[in-house]
N, C-alpha and C. Protein backbone atom coordinates (compact mmCIF):
# COMPACT_ATOMS: atom_id res chain seq x y z
N MET A 1 0.63 -1.25 0.12
CA MET A 1 0.18 -0.06 -0.04
C MET A 1 0.79 1.25 -0.20
N THR A 2 0.66 2.17 -0.80
CA THR A 2 1.04 3.55 -0.85
C THR A 2 0.57 4.62 0.19
N TYR A 3 1.72 5.24 0.50
CA TYR A 3 1.09 6.45 1.52
C TYR A 3 1.63 7.78 0.80
N ILE A 4 0.57 8.31 0.68
CA ILE A 4 0.55 9.66 0.07
C ILE A 4 0.73 10.74 1.02
N LYS A 5 1.67 11.32 0.93
CA LYS A 5 1.95 12.51 1.83
C LYS A 5 1.24 13.84 1.38
N GLU A 6 0.89 14.59 2.21
CA GLU A 6 -0.03 15.81 2.05
C GLU A 6 0.60 17.23 2.56
N LEU A 7 0.51 18.11 1.72
CA LEU A 7 1.26 19.30 1.98
C LEU A 7 0.11 20.29 2.60
N THR A 8 0.04 21.23 3.54
CA THR A 8 -0.92 21.99 3.95
C THR A 8 -0.36 23.07 4.20
N ILE A 9 -0.73 24.69 3.44
CA ILE A 9 -0.24 25.67 3.41
C ILE A 9 -1.45 26.69 3.58
N SER A 10 -0.76 28.01 4.07
CA SER A 10 -1.87 28.88 4.18
C SER A 10 -1.21 30.20 3.19
N LEU A 11 -2.11 30.83 2.62
CA LEU A 11 -1.49 31.69 1.53
C LEU A 11 -2.13 32.68 1.77
N CYS A 12 -1.97 34.25 1.14
CA CYS A 12 -2.46 35.24 1.59
C CYS A 12 -2.97 35.46 -0.05
N ASP A 13 -3.70 36.53 -0.27
CA ASP A 13 -4.61 36.74 -1.95
C ASP A 13 -3.51 36.73 -2.91
N TRP A 14 -2.42 37.54 -2.95
CA TRP A 14 -1.43 37.76 -3.86
C TRP A 14 -0.89 36.63 -3.94
N GLU A 15 -0.46 35.93 -3.18
CA GLU A 15 0.53 34.44 -3.30
C GLU A 15 -0.63 33.67 -3.95
N THR A 16 -1.94 33.38 -3.79
CA THR A 16 -2.79 32.61 -4.35
C THR A 16 -2.53 33.27 -5.62
N ARG A 17 -2.96 34.35 -6.28
CA ARG A 17 -3.18 34.64 -7.51
C ARG A 17 -2.02 34.41 -8.04
N ILE A 18 -0.92 34.54 -7.69
CA ILE A 18 0.54 34.05 -8.32
C ILE A 18 0.59 32.67 -8.67
N ILE A 19 0.18 31.91 -7.90
CA ILE A 19 0.30 30.30 -8.10
C ILE A 19 -0.78 29.70 -9.00
N LEU A 20 -2.13 30.58 -8.99
CA LEU A 20 -3.00 30.15 -9.73
C LEU A 20 -2.60 30.76 -11.35
N GLU A 21 -1.99 31.69 -11.20
CA GLU A 21 -1.38 32.19 -12.73
C GLU A 21 -0.47 31.39 -13.42
N SER A 22 0.54 31.08 -12.24
CA SER A 22 1.74 30.28 -12.93
C SER A 22 1.11 28.69 -13.19
N VAL A 23 0.08 28.34 -12.69
CA VAL A 23 -0.30 27.07 -12.79
C VAL A 23 -0.98 26.98 -14.02
N SER A 24 -1.73 28.11 -14.33
CA SER A 24 -2.50 28.30 -15.52
C SER A 24 -1.49 28.45 -16.89
N ARG A 25 -0.51 29.42 -16.65
CA ARG A 25 0.53 29.25 -17.81
C ARG A 25 0.97 28.06 -18.17
N GLU A 26 1.56 27.37 -16.92
CA GLU A 26 2.30 25.89 -17.04
C GLU A 26 1.00 25.01 -18.11
N ALA A 27 -0.28 25.05 -17.61
CA ALA A 27 -1.12 24.23 -18.19
C ALA A 27 -1.26 24.55 -19.71
N SER A 28 -1.21 25.81 -19.89
CA SER A 28 -1.19 26.06 -21.56
C SER A 28 0.16 25.78 -22.20
N ARG A 29 1.08 25.80 -21.51
CA ARG A 29 2.50 25.26 -22.11
C ARG A 29 2.21 23.89 -22.26
N LEU A 30 1.71 23.14 -21.45
CA LEU A 30 1.75 21.49 -21.34
C LEU A 30 1.01 21.19 -22.52
N LYS A 31 -0.37 21.92 -22.49
CA LYS A 31 -1.39 21.64 -24.01
C LYS A 31 -0.58 21.95 -25.22
N SER A 32 0.02 22.77 -24.95
CA SER A 32 0.47 23.16 -26.43
C SER A 32 1.29 22.50 -26.68
N ILE A 33 2.37 21.71 -26.03
CA ILE A 33 3.30 20.72 -26.40
C ILE A 33 2.53 19.39 -26.91
N CYS A 34 1.60 19.06 -25.91
CA CYS A 34 0.75 17.87 -26.38
C CYS A 34 0.13 18.18 -27.68
N GLU A 35 -0.47 19.32 -28.00
CA GLU A 35 -1.05 19.49 -29.63
C GLU A 35 -0.21 19.60 -30.49
N HIS A 36 1.18 19.91 -30.66
CA HIS A 36 1.99 20.28 -31.49
C HIS A 36 3.41 19.59 -31.79
N SER A 37 3.36 18.85 -30.85
CA SER A 37 4.66 18.24 -30.54
C SER A 37 4.43 16.79 -31.68
N GLU A 38 5.82 16.49 -32.17
CA GLU A 38 5.98 15.67 -33.65
C GLU A 38 6.54 14.32 -32.86
N ASP A 39 6.89 14.29 -31.51
CA ASP A 39 7.43 13.47 -30.67
C ASP A 39 6.26 12.95 -29.84
N GLU A 40 5.62 11.47 -30.14
CA GLU A 40 4.65 10.76 -29.99
C GLU A 40 4.75 10.62 -28.12
N ASP A 41 6.06 10.49 -27.77
CA ASP A 41 6.54 10.33 -26.14
C ASP A 41 6.29 11.45 -25.44
N GLU A 42 6.82 12.52 -25.94
CA GLU A 42 6.54 13.73 -25.52
C GLU A 42 5.37 14.32 -25.44
N ALA A 43 4.51 14.16 -26.13
CA ALA A 43 3.08 14.64 -26.24
C ALA A 43 2.33 13.67 -25.55
N ALA A 44 2.67 12.86 -25.21
CA ALA A 44 1.90 11.91 -24.07
C ALA A 44 2.13 12.23 -22.77
N ASP A 45 3.51 12.53 -22.60
CA ASP A 45 3.84 13.02 -21.32
C ASP A 45 3.47 14.23 -20.90
N ALA A 46 3.26 15.18 -21.70
CA ALA A 46 2.83 16.49 -21.73
C ALA A 46 1.14 16.49 -21.09
N GLY A 47 0.54 15.40 -22.07
CA GLY A 47 -0.81 15.62 -22.09
C GLY A 47 -1.35 14.87 -20.59
N ASN A 48 -0.51 14.02 -20.24
CA ASN A 48 -0.87 13.38 -18.87
C ASN A 48 -0.34 14.60 -17.59
N ASP A 49 0.57 14.84 -18.03
CA ASP A 49 1.01 16.25 -16.69
C ASP A 49 -0.10 17.00 -16.98
N TYR A 50 -0.63 17.56 -18.33
CA TYR A 50 -1.70 18.61 -18.55
C TYR A 50 -2.84 18.00 -17.61
N LEU A 51 -3.22 17.12 -17.90
CA LEU A 51 -4.41 16.66 -16.87
C LEU A 51 -4.42 16.67 -15.43
N GLU A 52 -3.43 15.99 -15.01
CA GLU A 52 -2.86 16.16 -13.33
C GLU A 52 -2.99 18.15 -13.27
N LEU A 53 -2.30 18.58 -13.86
CA LEU A 53 -2.11 19.78 -13.55
C LEU A 53 -3.42 20.67 -13.54
N ILE A 54 -4.48 20.32 -14.60
CA ILE A 54 -5.96 20.82 -14.41
C ILE A 54 -6.54 20.30 -13.65
N GLY A 55 -6.57 19.50 -12.69
CA GLY A 55 -7.22 18.88 -11.92
C GLY A 55 -6.73 19.65 -10.54
N LEU A 56 -5.55 19.94 -10.12
CA LEU A 56 -4.48 20.79 -9.21
C LEU A 56 -5.40 22.42 -9.27
N LYS A 57 -5.66 22.67 -10.84
CA LYS A 57 -6.10 24.09 -10.99
C LYS A 57 -7.30 24.25 -10.01
N GLU A 58 -8.14 23.04 -10.75
CA GLU A 58 -9.47 23.16 -10.03
C GLU A 58 -9.78 23.41 -8.75
N ARG A 59 -8.63 22.46 -8.29
CA ARG A 59 -9.12 22.47 -6.58
C ARG A 59 -8.64 23.79 -5.83
N LEU A 60 -7.79 24.17 -6.23
CA LEU A 60 -6.93 25.56 -6.03
C LEU A 60 -8.13 26.82 -6.19
N GLU A 61 -8.46 26.65 -7.48
CA GLU A 61 -9.23 27.71 -7.84
C GLU A 61 -10.59 27.68 -7.14
N ASN A 62 -11.46 26.51 -7.01
CA ASN A 62 -12.25 26.46 -6.06
C ASN A 62 -12.24 27.07 -4.75
N HIS A 63 -11.38 26.61 -3.91
CA HIS A 63 -11.22 27.19 -2.98
C HIS A 63 -10.68 28.53 -2.66
N ALA A 64 -9.81 28.97 -3.56
CA ALA A 64 -9.50 30.46 -3.41
C ALA A 64 -10.58 31.28 -3.69
N ILE A 65 -11.70 30.93 -4.97
CA ILE A 65 -12.88 31.76 -5.05
C ILE A 65 -13.61 31.79 -4.15
N GLU A 66 -13.99 30.84 -3.18
CA GLU A 66 -14.72 30.50 -2.06
C GLU A 66 -14.13 31.63 -0.90
N LEU A 67 -12.88 31.96 -0.51
CA LEU A 67 -12.22 32.48 0.13
C LEU A 67 -12.22 33.86 -0.27
N PHE A 68 -11.64 34.27 -1.27
CA PHE A 68 -11.22 35.56 -2.13
C PHE A 68 -12.19 35.83 -3.11
N GLY A 69 -13.08 35.50 -3.55
CA GLY A 69 -14.09 36.05 -4.65
C GLY A 69 -13.44 35.84 -5.69
N GLN A 70 -14.41 35.82 -6.68
CA GLN A 70 -14.04 35.52 -8.24
C GLN A 70 -12.73 36.50 -8.57
N GLN A 71 -12.68 37.73 -8.54
CA GLN A 71 -11.16 38.21 -8.77
C GLN A 71 -10.32 38.10 -8.54
N ILE A 72 -10.03 36.55 -7.80
CA ILE A 72 -8.67 35.87 -7.48
C ILE A 72 -8.33 35.49 -8.72
N THR A 73 -9.19 35.36 -9.75
CA THR A 73 -8.84 34.10 -10.93
C THR A 73 -8.31 35.30 -12.28
N ASP A 74 -8.71 36.83 -11.73
CA ASP A 74 -8.26 37.91 -12.82
C ASP A 74 -6.64 38.24 -12.99
N PHE A 75 -6.30 37.52 -13.89
CA PHE A 75 -4.65 37.82 -14.01
C PHE A 75 -4.12 39.26 -15.03
N SER A 76 -5.29 39.79 -15.19
CA SER A 76 -4.87 41.15 -16.17
C SER A 76 -3.97 41.93 -15.32
N ARG A 77 -3.11 42.70 -16.21
CA ARG A 77 -2.39 43.85 -15.77
C ARG A 77 -3.03 45.20 -15.65
N ASP A 78 -4.06 45.07 -16.15
CA ASP A 78 -4.85 46.42 -16.39
C ASP A 78 -5.02 47.35 -15.34
N ALA A 79 -4.98 48.69 -15.46
CA ALA A 79 -4.94 49.55 -14.22
C ALA A 79 -6.49 49.69 -13.95
N LEU A 80 -6.50 49.53 -12.56
CA LEU A 80 -8.05 49.64 -11.96
C LEU A 80 -8.76 51.04 -12.14
């Protein structure tokens, strides 16, 4: 039987936004590799990582929106 370790952390709003944005960018990068790579192994690995990352992103986003509100997912750099 495998024991899965777990990490519990506390983040403020700006830290959460940075992590969500980073996860979103990495997911986009992996998706692009999966869609455009001519190397089947690379595409498969990127696709698997993408699916795992999307699951993480959804969990983080749901908790973040619950706590900070929908604006936590706004990564625009436009002036307020």
